[in-house]
Amino acid sequence: MTITNRTTDRGPAPGDGHPLPWLVPAIAILAAFYAVPVLDVLRLAFSDASLLAPASRYSTDAIGGVLADPALPVVLGTTLVFTLANVAALQLAGLCIALVIARGERRGLRGMAAFRTLVLAAWVVPGIANGLVWQMLFDEAPYGTLNSLLGYVGLGPVAWLSDPQMAMASAVIANLWQGTAFSMIVFYAARRAIDPTLYEVAELDAATPWQMFRYITLPLMRRLIAVNTVLVTVQTLNTFDSILALTGGGPGRATEVLALFTFNTVFYNLDLAGGSVLAVLLFAIGMGCALLVHYVIGRERPAA
């Protein structure tokens, strides 16, 4: 079969085998909105810029100052704990809810659409509002919502936000409540894409639900699990608004993650150069996590 090139008054036709003319507008838009800001952040990281004055000279002083900051290791440790806890919890909660909804729909149970909507409702809540809502729930006064419920069953009030360990747990719970919907959407779509014939054949072979989950569901969802892991990790690394409203990073630095540390550096310390260095560090960590997940989970396995 011979493919002939077609041209129009506006240039080459879509099927002529030359994709570059069609990619140039998209590349230009991405460069304008993503590449240019990233390059400017790299420029500011080597400057002495602040929110009060533009850059007057360029050096590595800002990088050295940030790396020598004794608070940075503490913040990185807090970020690691917060990210690992959230990624694991978000994956598990989203997968469980998606499988419950898919199983309920397969059995014709009523209320599955309402359940999906209820889970998705938390996703549209802004991060600041999410933090404020959970701050009221975690109020440590005896009349606080959760402490009042605990009081009804004879348990004492819990220091949800003033105890460092409980503050971290509270921040994870607040982020989990809001972010589970995204993982649920990804896993629900992946589960619906699996051919139901595979499960019917497995049932004929007397496979248990656990065996079907282990040998059918998980292998066929592996690529989507890798994609969701990357997206959830990047989202969690960039979370600061709900923590800002919930704990402000306290007590001490118990919940001050890297994204919030960057925010405080720029808008409280007015250090634009230092904040740019932290932003580059945050970008590098996110990219490293994405590559690691792709290497561990996302690669195609050779056929046995």
C-alpha atoms as a PDB file:
ATOM      1  CA  MET A   1       0.000   0.000   0.000  1.00  0.00           C
ATOM      2  CA  THR A   2       1.368   3.405  -0.970  1.00  0.00           C
ATOM      3  CA  ILE A   3       0.926   6.353   1.390  1.00  0.00           C
ATOM      4  CA  THR A   4       0.886   9.703  -0.354  1.00  0.00           C
ATOM      5  CA  ASN A   5       1.689  12.931   1.418  1.00  0.00           C
ATOM      6  CA  ARG A   6      -1.138  15.418   1.488  1.00  0.00           C
ATOM      7  CA  THR A   7      -0.757  19.138   2.009  1.00  0.00           C
ATOM      8  CA  THR A   8      -3.233  21.880   2.690  1.00  0.00           C
ATOM      9  CA  ASP A   9      -3.127  25.650   2.620  1.00  0.00           C
ATOM     10  CA  ARG A  10      -2.191  25.569   6.322  1.00  0.00           C
ATOM     11  CA  GLY A  11       0.682  23.106   5.982  1.00  0.00           C
ATOM     12  CA  PRO A  12       1.085  19.324   6.005  1.00  0.00           C
ATOM     13  CA  ALA A  13      -1.953  17.153   6.594  1.00  0.00           C
ATOM     14  CA  PRO A  14      -2.208  15.092   9.837  1.00  0.00           C
ATOM     15  CA  GLY A  15      -1.460  11.760   8.177  1.00  0.00           C
ATOM     16  CA  ASP A  16       1.634  12.701   6.179  1.00  0.00           C
ATOM     17  CA  GLY A  17       4.089  11.210   8.665  1.00  0.00           C
ATOM     18  CA  HIS A  18       5.584  14.502   9.890  1.00  0.00           C
ATOM     19  CA  PRO A  19       4.510  15.007  13.547  1.00  0.00           C
ATOM     20  CA  LEU A  20       6.808  17.949  14.291  1.00  0.00           C
ATOM     21  CA  PRO A  21       4.482  20.692  12.946  1.00  0.00           C
ATOM     22  CA  TRP A  22       1.751  19.351  15.192  1.00  0.00           C
ATOM     23  CA  LEU A  23       3.981  19.055  18.264  1.00  0.00           C
ATOM     24  CA  VAL A  24       5.541  22.514  18.061  1.00  0.00           C
ATOM     25  CA  PRO A  25       2.508  24.374  19.553  1.00  0.00           C
ATOM     26  CA  ALA A  26       2.251  21.921  22.458  1.00  0.00           C
ATOM     27  CA  ILE A  27       6.006  22.104  23.078  1.00  0.00           C
ATOM     28  CA  ALA A  28       5.889  25.898  23.009  1.00  0.00           C
ATOM     29  CA  ILE A  29       3.031  26.009  25.538  1.00  0.00           C
ATOM     30  CA  LEU A  30       4.763  23.534  27.857  1.00  0.00           C
ATOM     31  CA  ALA A  31       8.004  25.497  27.599  1.00  0.00           C
ATOM     32  CA  ALA A  32       6.255  28.760  28.429  1.00  0.00           C
ATOM     33  CA  PHE A  33       4.399  27.428  31.457  1.00  0.00           C
ATOM     34  CA  TYR A  34       6.856  24.842  32.798  1.00  0.00           C
ATOM     35  CA  ALA A  35      10.367  25.111  31.392  1.00  0.00           C
ATOM     36  CA  VAL A  36      10.712  28.878  31.788  1.00  0.00           C
ATOM     37  CA  PRO A  37       9.701  28.912  35.506  1.00  0.00           C
ATOM     38  CA  VAL A  38      11.983  25.932  36.204  1.00  0.00           C
ATOM     39  CA  LEU A  39      14.936  27.648  34.550  1.00  0.00           C
ATOM     40  CA  ASP A  40      14.192  30.844  36.470  1.00  0.00           C
ATOM     41  CA  VAL A  41      14.161  28.925  39.753  1.00  0.00           C
ATOM     42  CA  LEU A  42      17.559  27.462  38.848  1.00  0.00           C
ATOM     43  CA  ARG A  43      18.814  30.975  38.155  1.00  0.00           C
ATOM     44  CA  LEU A  44      17.503  32.286  41.482  1.00  0.00           C
ATOM     45  CA  ALA A  45      19.106  29.355  43.346  1.00  0.00           C
ATOM     46  CA  PHE A  46      22.525  30.768  42.391  1.00  0.00           C
ATOM     47  CA  SER A  47      21.643  34.333  43.363  1.00  0.00           C
ATOM     48  CA  ASP A  48      21.154  36.441  46.474  1.00  0.00           C
ATOM     49  CA  ALA A  49      17.578  37.427  45.591  1.00  0.00           C
ATOM     50  CA  SER A  50      14.951  38.082  48.246  1.00  0.00           C
ATOM     51  CA  LEU A  51      11.350  39.192  48.182  1.00  0.00           C
ATOM     52  CA  LEU A  52      12.553  42.705  48.977  1.00  0.00           C
ATOM     53  CA  ALA A  53      15.360  43.027  46.426  1.00  0.00           C
ATOM     54  CA  PRO A  54      16.222  41.442  43.071  1.00  0.00           C
ATOM     55  CA  ALA A  55      19.372  39.435  42.481  1.00  0.00           C
ATOM     56  CA  SER A  56      22.510  41.566  42.551  1.00  0.00           C
ATOM     57  CA  ARG A  57      25.153  38.863  42.266  1.00  0.00           C
ATOM     58  CA  TYR A  58      25.398  35.160  41.503  1.00  0.00           C
ATOM     59  CA  SER A  59      27.263  32.584  43.572  1.00  0.00           C
ATOM     60  CA  THR A  60      26.766  29.320  45.422  1.00  0.00           C
ATOM     61  CA  ASP A  61      26.285  31.024  48.792  1.00  0.00           C
ATOM     62  CA  ALA A  62      22.551  30.284  48.902  1.00  0.00           C
ATOM     63  CA  ILE A  63      23.153  26.598  48.176  1.00  0.00           C
ATOM     64  CA  GLY A  64      25.818  26.365  50.845  1.00  0.00           C
ATOM     65  CA  GLY A  65      23.627  28.184  53.351  1.00  0.00           C
ATOM     66  CA  VAL A  66      20.678  25.880  52.801  1.00  0.00           C
ATOM     67  CA  LEU A  67      22.755  22.694  52.955  1.00  0.00           C
ATOM     68  CA  ALA A  68      24.442  23.896  56.144  1.00  0.00           C
ATOM     69  CA  ASP A  69      21.144  24.739  57.836  1.00  0.00           C
ATOM     70  CA  PRO A  70      20.819  22.435  60.879  1.00  0.00           C
ATOM     71  CA  ALA A  71      17.036  22.375  60.377  1.00  0.00           C
ATOM     72  CA  LEU A  72      17.316  20.733  56.942  1.00  0.00           C
ATOM     73  CA  PRO A  73      18.065  17.153  58.157  1.00  0.00           C
ATOM     74  CA  VAL A  74      15.139  17.369  60.585  1.00  0.00           C
ATOM     75  CA  VAL A  75      12.831  18.598  57.842  1.00  0.00           C
ATOM     76  CA  LEU A  76      14.003  15.877  55.442  1.00  0.00           C
ATOM     77  CA  GLY A  77      13.385  13.212  58.091  1.00  0.00           C
ATOM     78  CA  THR A  78       9.899  14.577  58.741  1.00  0.00           C
ATOM     79  CA  THR A  79       9.228  14.645  54.995  1.00  0.00           C
ATOM     80  CA  LEU A  80      10.364  11.029  54.653  1.00  0.00           C
ATOM     81  CA  VAL A  81       8.052   9.809  57.425  1.00  0.00           C
ATOM     82  CA  PHE A  82       5.098  11.853  56.166  1.00  0.00           C
ATOM     83  CA  THR A  83       5.581  10.726  52.559  1.00  0.00           C
ATOM     84  CA  LEU A  84       6.080   7.024  53.281  1.00  0.00           C
ATOM     85  CA  ALA A  85       3.105   6.868  55.634  1.00  0.00           C
ATOM     86  CA  ASN A  86       0.834   8.696  53.207  1.00  0.00           C
ATOM     87  CA  VAL A  87       1.871   6.800  50.081  1.00  0.00           C
ATOM     88  CA  ALA A  88       1.357   3.434  51.773  1.00  0.00           C
ATOM     89  CA  ALA A  89      -1.960   4.454  53.334  1.00  0.00           C
ATOM     90  CA  LEU A  90      -3.293   6.153  50.202  1.00  0.00           C
ATOM     91  CA  GLN A  91      -2.448   3.142  48.035  1.00  0.00           C
ATOM     92  CA  LEU A  92      -4.007   0.662  50.439  1.00  0.00           C
ATOM     93  CA  ALA A  93      -7.142   2.715  51.159  1.00  0.00           C
ATOM     94  CA  GLY A  94      -7.709   3.592  47.504  1.00  0.00           C
ATOM     95  CA  LEU A  95      -7.245  -0.005  46.385  1.00  0.00           C
ATOM     96  CA  CYS A  96      -9.590  -1.386  49.051  1.00  0.00           C
ATOM     97  CA  ILE A  97     -12.338   1.122  48.261  1.00  0.00           C
ATOM     98  CA  ALA A  98     -11.981   0.554  44.510  1.00  0.00           C
ATOM     99  CA  LEU A  99     -12.243  -3.220  44.908  1.00  0.00           C
ATOM    100  CA  VAL A 100     -15.240  -2.899  47.235  1.00  0.00           C
ATOM    101  CA  ILE A 101     -17.056  -0.652  44.742  1.00  0.00           C
ATOM    102  CA  ALA A 102     -16.199  -2.894  41.788  1.00  0.00           C
ATOM    103  CA  ARG A 103     -17.362  -6.001  43.660  1.00  0.00           C
ATOM    104  CA  GLY A 104     -20.542  -4.276  44.797  1.00  0.00           C
ATOM    105  CA  GLU A 105     -21.356  -3.169  41.259  1.00  0.00           C
ATOM    106  CA  ARG A 106     -20.681  -6.664  39.926  1.00  0.00           C
ATOM    107  CA  ARG A 107     -23.173  -8.060  42.439  1.00  0.00           C
ATOM    108  CA  GLY A 108     -25.724  -5.335  41.686  1.00  0.00           C
ATOM    109  CA  LEU A 109     -25.679  -3.791  45.159  1.00  0.00           C
ATOM    110  CA  ARG A 110     -27.424  -0.466  45.528  1.00  0.00           C
ATOM    111  CA  GLY A 111     -25.668   2.642  46.752  1.00  0.00           C
ATOM    112  CA  MET A 112     -22.339   2.116  45.009  1.00  0.00           C
ATOM    113  CA  ALA A 113     -22.687   5.337  42.998  1.00  0.00           C
ATOM    114  CA  ALA A 114     -23.499   7.255  46.187  1.00  0.00           C
ATOM    115  CA  PHE A 115     -20.501   5.674  47.909  1.00  0.00           C
ATOM    116  CA  ARG A 116     -18.238   6.749  45.018  1.00  0.00           C
ATOM    117  CA  THR A 117     -19.608  10.274  45.195  1.00  0.00           C
ATOM    118  CA  LEU A 118     -19.078  10.411  48.957  1.00  0.00           C
ATOM    119  CA  VAL A 119     -15.422   9.447  48.570  1.00  0.00           C
ATOM    120  CA  LEU A 120     -14.910  11.937  45.735  1.00  0.00           C
ATOM    121  CA  ALA A 121     -16.461  14.756  47.768  1.00  0.00           C
ATOM    122  CA  ALA A 122     -13.380  14.967  49.990  1.00  0.00           C
ATOM    123  CA  TRP A 123     -11.126  15.418  46.951  1.00  0.00           C
ATOM    124  CA  VAL A 124     -12.659  18.744  45.930  1.00  0.00           C
ATOM    125  CA  VAL A 125     -12.106  20.328  49.341  1.00  0.00           C
ATOM    126  CA  PRO A 126      -9.223  22.862  49.206  1.00  0.00           C
ATOM    127  CA  GLY A 127      -6.168  21.971  51.269  1.00  0.00           C
ATOM    128  CA  ILE A 128      -6.539  24.956  53.599  1.00  0.00           C
ATOM    129  CA  ALA A 129     -10.189  24.110  54.258  1.00  0.00           C
ATOM    130  CA  ASN A 130      -9.248  20.482  54.826  1.00  0.00           C
ATOM    131  CA  GLY A 131      -6.690  21.514  57.443  1.00  0.00           C
ATOM    132  CA  LEU A 132      -9.152  23.816  59.200  1.00  0.00           C
ATOM    133  CA  VAL A 133     -11.855  21.140  59.304  1.00  0.00           C
ATOM    134  CA  TRP A 134      -9.501  18.585  60.822  1.00  0.00           C
ATOM    135  CA  GLN A 135      -8.143  21.194  63.227  1.00  0.00           C
ATOM    136  CA  MET A 136     -11.649  21.521  64.653  1.00  0.00           C
ATOM    137  CA  LEU A 137     -12.019  17.739  64.806  1.00  0.00           C
ATOM    138  CA  PHE A 138      -8.650  17.366  66.561  1.00  0.00           C
ATOM    139  CA  ASP A 139      -9.325  20.197  69.016  1.00  0.00           C
ATOM    140  CA  GLU A 140      -7.726  19.100  72.276  1.00  0.00           C
ATOM    141  CA  ALA A 141     -10.282  20.797  74.501  1.00  0.00           C
ATOM    142  CA  PRO A 142     -12.709  18.441  76.267  1.00  0.00           C
ATOM    143  CA  TYR A 143     -15.453  19.668  73.936  1.00  0.00           C
ATOM    144  CA  GLY A 144     -13.393  18.912  70.803  1.00  0.00           C
ATOM    145  CA  THR A 145     -15.179  16.562  68.419  1.00  0.00           C
ATOM    146  CA  LEU A 146     -12.932  13.510  68.659  1.00  0.00           C
ATOM    147  CA  ASN A 147     -12.078  14.035  72.328  1.00  0.00           C
ATOM    148  CA  SER A 148     -15.785  14.345  73.115  1.00  0.00           C
ATOM    149  CA  LEU A 149     -16.447  11.030  71.389  1.00  0.00           C
ATOM    150  CA  LEU A 150     -13.591   9.442  73.323  1.00  0.00           C
ATOM    151  CA  GLY A 151     -15.000  10.879  76.542  1.00  0.00           C
ATOM    152  CA  TYR A 152     -18.308   9.091  75.958  1.00  0.00           C
ATOM    153  CA  VAL A 153     -16.521   5.742  76.083  1.00  0.00           C
ATOM    154  CA  GLY A 154     -14.478   6.647  79.147  1.00  0.00           C
ATOM    155  CA  LEU A 155     -11.199   7.534  77.424  1.00  0.00           C
ATOM    156  CA  GLY A 156      -9.236  10.626  78.309  1.00  0.00           C
ATOM    157  CA  PRO A 157      -8.528  13.479  75.883  1.00  0.00           C
ATOM    158  CA  VAL A 158      -5.758  12.898  73.344  1.00  0.00           C
ATOM    159  CA  ALA A 159      -3.113  15.516  72.557  1.00  0.00           C
ATOM    160  CA  TRP A 160      -3.765  15.329  68.815  1.00  0.00           C
ATOM    161  CA  LEU A 161      -1.822  18.453  67.855  1.00  0.00           C
ATOM    162  CA  SER A 162       0.480  19.255  70.785  1.00  0.00           C
ATOM    163  CA  ASP A 163       2.244  15.884  71.000  1.00  0.00           C
ATOM    164  CA  PRO A 164       4.865  15.524  68.209  1.00  0.00           C
ATOM    165  CA  GLN A 165       4.028  11.923  67.326  1.00  0.00           C
ATOM    166  CA  MET A 166       0.284  12.449  67.458  1.00  0.00           C
ATOM    167  CA  ALA A 167       0.642  15.637  65.408  1.00  0.00           C
ATOM    168  CA  MET A 168       2.326  13.678  62.628  1.00  0.00           C
ATOM    169  CA  ALA A 169      -0.394  11.017  62.803  1.00  0.00           C
ATOM    170  CA  SER A 170      -3.041  13.748  62.654  1.00  0.00           C
ATOM    171  CA  ALA A 171      -1.424  15.298  59.567  1.00  0.00           C
ATOM    172  CA  VAL A 172      -1.315  11.887  57.861  1.00  0.00           C
ATOM    173  CA  ILE A 173      -4.983  11.246  58.683  1.00  0.00           C
ATOM    174  CA  ALA A 174      -6.032  14.634  57.295  1.00  0.00           C
ATOM    175  CA  ASN A 175      -4.090  14.090  54.073  1.00  0.00           C
ATOM    176  CA  LEU A 176      -5.378  10.520  53.789  1.00  0.00           C
ATOM    177  CA  TRP A 177      -8.990  11.654  54.074  1.00  0.00           C
ATOM    178  CA  GLN A 178      -8.549  14.115  51.227  1.00  0.00           C
ATOM    179  CA  GLY A 179      -6.241  12.157  48.915  1.00  0.00           C
ATOM    180  CA  THR A 180      -7.797   8.685  48.991  1.00  0.00           C
ATOM    181  CA  ALA A 181     -10.261   9.627  46.254  1.00  0.00           C
ATOM    182  CA  PHE A 182      -7.510  10.038  43.646  1.00  0.00           C
ATOM    183  CA  SER A 183      -6.078   6.580  44.291  1.00  0.00           C
ATOM    184  CA  MET A 184      -9.585   5.152  44.288  1.00  0.00           C
ATOM    185  CA  ILE A 185     -10.268   6.619  40.825  1.00  0.00           C
ATOM    186  CA  VAL A 186      -7.057   5.177  39.374  1.00  0.00           C
ATOM    187  CA  PHE A 187      -7.550   1.718  40.862  1.00  0.00           C
ATOM    188  CA  TYR A 188     -11.265   1.653  40.050  1.00  0.00           C
ATOM    189  CA  ALA A 189     -10.528   2.372  36.380  1.00  0.00           C
ATOM    190  CA  ALA A 190      -7.785  -0.260  36.359  1.00  0.00           C
ATOM    191  CA  ARG A 191     -10.064  -2.857  37.946  1.00  0.00           C
ATOM    192  CA  ARG A 192     -12.887  -2.165  35.501  1.00  0.00           C
ATOM    193  CA  ALA A 193     -10.463  -2.597  32.586  1.00  0.00           C
ATOM    194  CA  ILE A 194      -9.713  -6.224  33.557  1.00  0.00           C
ATOM    195  CA  ASP A 195     -11.605  -8.753  31.454  1.00  0.00           C
ATOM    196  CA  PRO A 196     -14.277 -10.330  33.704  1.00  0.00           C
ATOM    197  CA  THR A 197     -13.813 -13.597  31.824  1.00  0.00           C
ATOM    198  CA  LEU A 198     -10.573 -14.127  33.738  1.00  0.00           C
ATOM    199  CA  TYR A 199     -12.454 -14.137  37.033  1.00  0.00           C
ATOM    200  CA  GLU A 200     -15.158 -16.399  35.662  1.00  0.00           C
ATOM    201  CA  VAL A 201     -12.549 -18.943  34.585  1.00  0.00           C
ATOM    202  CA  ALA A 202     -10.834 -18.662  37.985  1.00  0.00           C
ATOM    203  CA  GLU A 203     -14.144 -19.348  39.733  1.00  0.00           C
ATOM    204  CA  LEU A 204     -14.615 -22.443  37.596  1.00  0.00           C
ATOM    205  CA  ASP A 205     -11.179 -23.588  38.788  1.00  0.00           C
ATOM    206  CA  ALA A 206     -12.336 -23.076  42.411  1.00  0.00           C
ATOM    207  CA  ALA A 207      -9.917 -20.214  43.018  1.00  0.00           C
ATOM    208  CA  THR A 208     -10.387 -18.341  46.279  1.00  0.00           C
ATOM    209  CA  PRO A 209     -10.907 -14.545  46.340  1.00  0.00           C
ATOM    210  CA  TRP A 210      -7.361 -14.112  47.651  1.00  0.00           C
ATOM    211  CA  GLN A 211      -5.924 -16.212  44.823  1.00  0.00           C
ATOM    212  CA  MET A 212      -7.856 -14.180  42.226  1.00  0.00           C
ATOM    213  CA  PHE A 213      -6.607 -10.977  43.793  1.00  0.00           C
ATOM    214  CA  ARG A 214      -2.997 -12.188  43.940  1.00  0.00           C
ATOM    215  CA  TYR A 215      -2.706 -13.855  40.553  1.00  0.00           C
ATOM    216  CA  ILE A 216      -5.146 -11.826  38.436  1.00  0.00           C
ATOM    217  CA  THR A 217      -5.895  -8.415  39.910  1.00  0.00           C
ATOM    218  CA  LEU A 218      -2.472  -7.403  41.204  1.00  0.00           C
ATOM    219  CA  PRO A 219      -0.414  -8.480  38.152  1.00  0.00           C
ATOM    220  CA  LEU A 220      -2.777  -6.770  35.713  1.00  0.00           C
ATOM    221  CA  MET A 221      -2.859  -3.593  37.818  1.00  0.00           C
ATOM    222  CA  ARG A 222       0.896  -3.434  38.377  1.00  0.00           C
ATOM    223  CA  ARG A 223       1.554  -0.714  35.808  1.00  0.00           C
ATOM    224  CA  LEU A 224      -1.268   1.438  37.164  1.00  0.00           C
ATOM    225  CA  ILE A 225      -0.011   0.872  40.699  1.00  0.00           C
ATOM    226  CA  ALA A 226       3.383   2.212  39.593  1.00  0.00           C
ATOM    227  CA  VAL A 227       1.807   5.256  37.951  1.00  0.00           C
ATOM    228  CA  ASN A 228      -0.359   5.951  40.986  1.00  0.00           C
ATOM    229  CA  THR A 229       2.628   5.563  43.296  1.00  0.00           C
ATOM    230  CA  VAL A 230       4.519   8.232  41.368  1.00  0.00           C
ATOM    231  CA  LEU A 231       1.560  10.623  41.281  1.00  0.00           C
ATOM    232  CA  VAL A 232       0.711  10.138  44.953  1.00  0.00           C
ATOM    233  CA  THR A 233       4.367  10.546  45.960  1.00  0.00           C
ATOM    234  CA  VAL A 234       4.726  13.811  44.050  1.00  0.00           C
ATOM    235  CA  GLN A 235       1.410  15.054  45.417  1.00  0.00           C
ATOM    236  CA  THR A 236       2.417  14.210  48.987  1.00  0.00           C
ATOM    237  CA  LEU A 237       5.853  15.798  48.618  1.00  0.00           C
ATOM    238  CA  ASN A 238       4.176  19.033  47.533  1.00  0.00           C
ATOM    239  CA  THR A 239       1.588  19.048  50.323  1.00  0.00           C
ATOM    240  CA  PHE A 240       1.924  22.021  52.636  1.00  0.00           C
ATOM    241  CA  ASP A 241      -1.417  23.877  52.680  1.00  0.00           C
ATOM    242  CA  SER A 242      -3.341  21.398  54.837  1.00  0.00           C
ATOM    243  CA  ILE A 243      -0.392  21.069  57.236  1.00  0.00           C
ATOM    244  CA  LEU A 244      -0.078  24.860  57.376  1.00  0.00           C
ATOM    245  CA  ALA A 245      -3.717  25.167  58.460  1.00  0.00           C
ATOM    246  CA  LEU A 246      -3.661  22.119  60.744  1.00  0.00           C
ATOM    247  CA  THR A 247      -0.442  22.437  62.737  1.00  0.00           C
ATOM    248  CA  GLY A 248       1.609  25.218  61.128  1.00  0.00           C
ATOM    249  CA  GLY A 249       4.482  22.730  61.062  1.00  0.00           C
ATOM    250  CA  GLY A 250       4.530  22.302  64.823  1.00  0.00           C
ATOM    251  CA  PRO A 251       4.884  21.428  67.536  1.00  0.00           C
ATOM    252  CA  GLY A 252       8.470  22.483  66.980  1.00  0.00           C
ATOM    253  CA  ARG A 253       9.288  21.024  63.569  1.00  0.00           C
ATOM    254  CA  ALA A 254       7.379  17.778  64.099  1.00  0.00           C
ATOM    255  CA  THR A 255       5.201  18.290  61.001  1.00  0.00           C
ATOM    256  CA  GLU A 256       7.267  20.771  58.972  1.00  0.00           C
ATOM    257  CA  VAL A 257       7.759  18.949  55.686  1.00  0.00           C
ATOM    258  CA  LEU A 258      10.054  20.174  52.915  1.00  0.00           C
ATOM    259  CA  ALA A 259       7.286  21.908  50.946  1.00  0.00           C
ATOM    260  CA  LEU A 260       6.196  23.841  54.051  1.00  0.00           C
ATOM    261  CA  PHE A 261       9.832  24.605  54.897  1.00  0.00           C
ATOM    262  CA  THR A 262      10.222  26.069  51.403  1.00  0.00           C
ATOM    263  CA  PHE A 263       7.076  28.151  51.870  1.00  0.00           C
ATOM    264  CA  ASN A 264       8.294  29.478  55.218  1.00  0.00           C
ATOM    265  CA  THR A 265      11.738  30.267  53.810  1.00  0.00           C
ATOM    266  CA  VAL A 266      10.296  32.391  51.015  1.00  0.00           C
ATOM    267  CA  PHE A 267       7.296  34.060  52.626  1.00  0.00           C
ATOM    268  CA  TYR A 268       8.384  34.336  56.265  1.00  0.00           C
ATOM    269  CA  ASN A 269      12.161  34.683  55.941  1.00  0.00           C
ATOM    270  CA  LEU A 270      11.803  36.544  52.599  1.00  0.00           C
ATOM    271  CA  ASP A 271      14.702  34.447  51.269  1.00  0.00           C
ATOM    272  CA  LEU A 272      13.863  33.874  47.614  1.00  0.00           C
ATOM    273  CA  ALA A 273      17.273  32.392  46.787  1.00  0.00           C
ATOM    274  CA  GLY A 274      17.119  29.884  49.647  1.00  0.00           C
ATOM    275  CA  GLY A 275      13.549  28.976  48.745  1.00  0.00           C
ATOM    276  CA  SER A 276      14.647  28.362  45.155  1.00  0.00           C
ATOM    277  CA  VAL A 277      17.367  26.011  46.363  1.00  0.00           C
ATOM    278  CA  LEU A 278      14.809  24.106  48.418  1.00  0.00           C
ATOM    279  CA  ALA A 279      12.441  23.996  45.427  1.00  0.00           C
ATOM    280  CA  VAL A 280      15.199  22.485  43.278  1.00  0.00           C
ATOM    281  CA  LEU A 281      15.907  19.968  46.047  1.00  0.00           C
ATOM    282  CA  LEU A 282      12.211  19.091  46.220  1.00  0.00           C
ATOM    283  CA  PHE A 283      12.130  18.631  42.445  1.00  0.00           C
ATOM    284  CA  ALA A 284      15.201  16.381  42.561  1.00  0.00           C
ATOM    285  CA  ILE A 285      13.683  14.233  45.317  1.00  0.00           C
ATOM    286  CA  GLY A 286      10.436  13.881  43.385  1.00  0.00           C
ATOM    287  CA  MET A 287      12.279  12.935  40.200  1.00  0.00           C
ATOM    288  CA  GLY A 288      14.414  10.420  42.088  1.00  0.00           C
ATOM    289  CA  CYS A 289      11.316   8.821  43.619  1.00  0.00           C
ATOM    290  CA  ALA A 290       9.662   8.585  40.192  1.00  0.00           C
ATOM    291  CA  LEU A 291      12.698   6.868  38.692  1.00  0.00           C
ATOM    292  CA  LEU A 292      12.955   4.500  41.654  1.00  0.00           C
ATOM    293  CA  VAL A 293       9.294   3.498  41.402  1.00  0.00           C
ATOM    294  CA  HIS A 294       9.645   2.956  37.658  1.00  0.00           C
ATOM    295  CA  TYR A 295      12.699   0.742  38.217  1.00  0.00           C
ATOM    296  CA  VAL A 296      11.122  -1.310  41.007  1.00  0.00           C
ATOM    297  CA  ILE A 297       7.481  -1.587  39.877  1.00  0.00           C
ATOM    298  CA  GLY A 298       6.923  -0.050  36.476  1.00  0.00           C
ATOM    299  CA  ARG A 299       9.412  -1.938  34.294  1.00  0.00           C
ATOM    300  CA  GLU A 300       8.224  -4.690  32.030  1.00  0.00           C
ATOM    301  CA  ARG A 301       9.256  -8.049  33.421  1.00  0.00           C
ATOM    302  CA  PRO A 302      10.785 -10.528  30.949  1.00  0.00           C
ATOM    303  CA  ALA A 303       8.579 -13.498  30.185  1.00  0.00           C
ATOM    304  CA  ALA A 304       9.462 -16.609  32.135  1.00  0.00           C
END
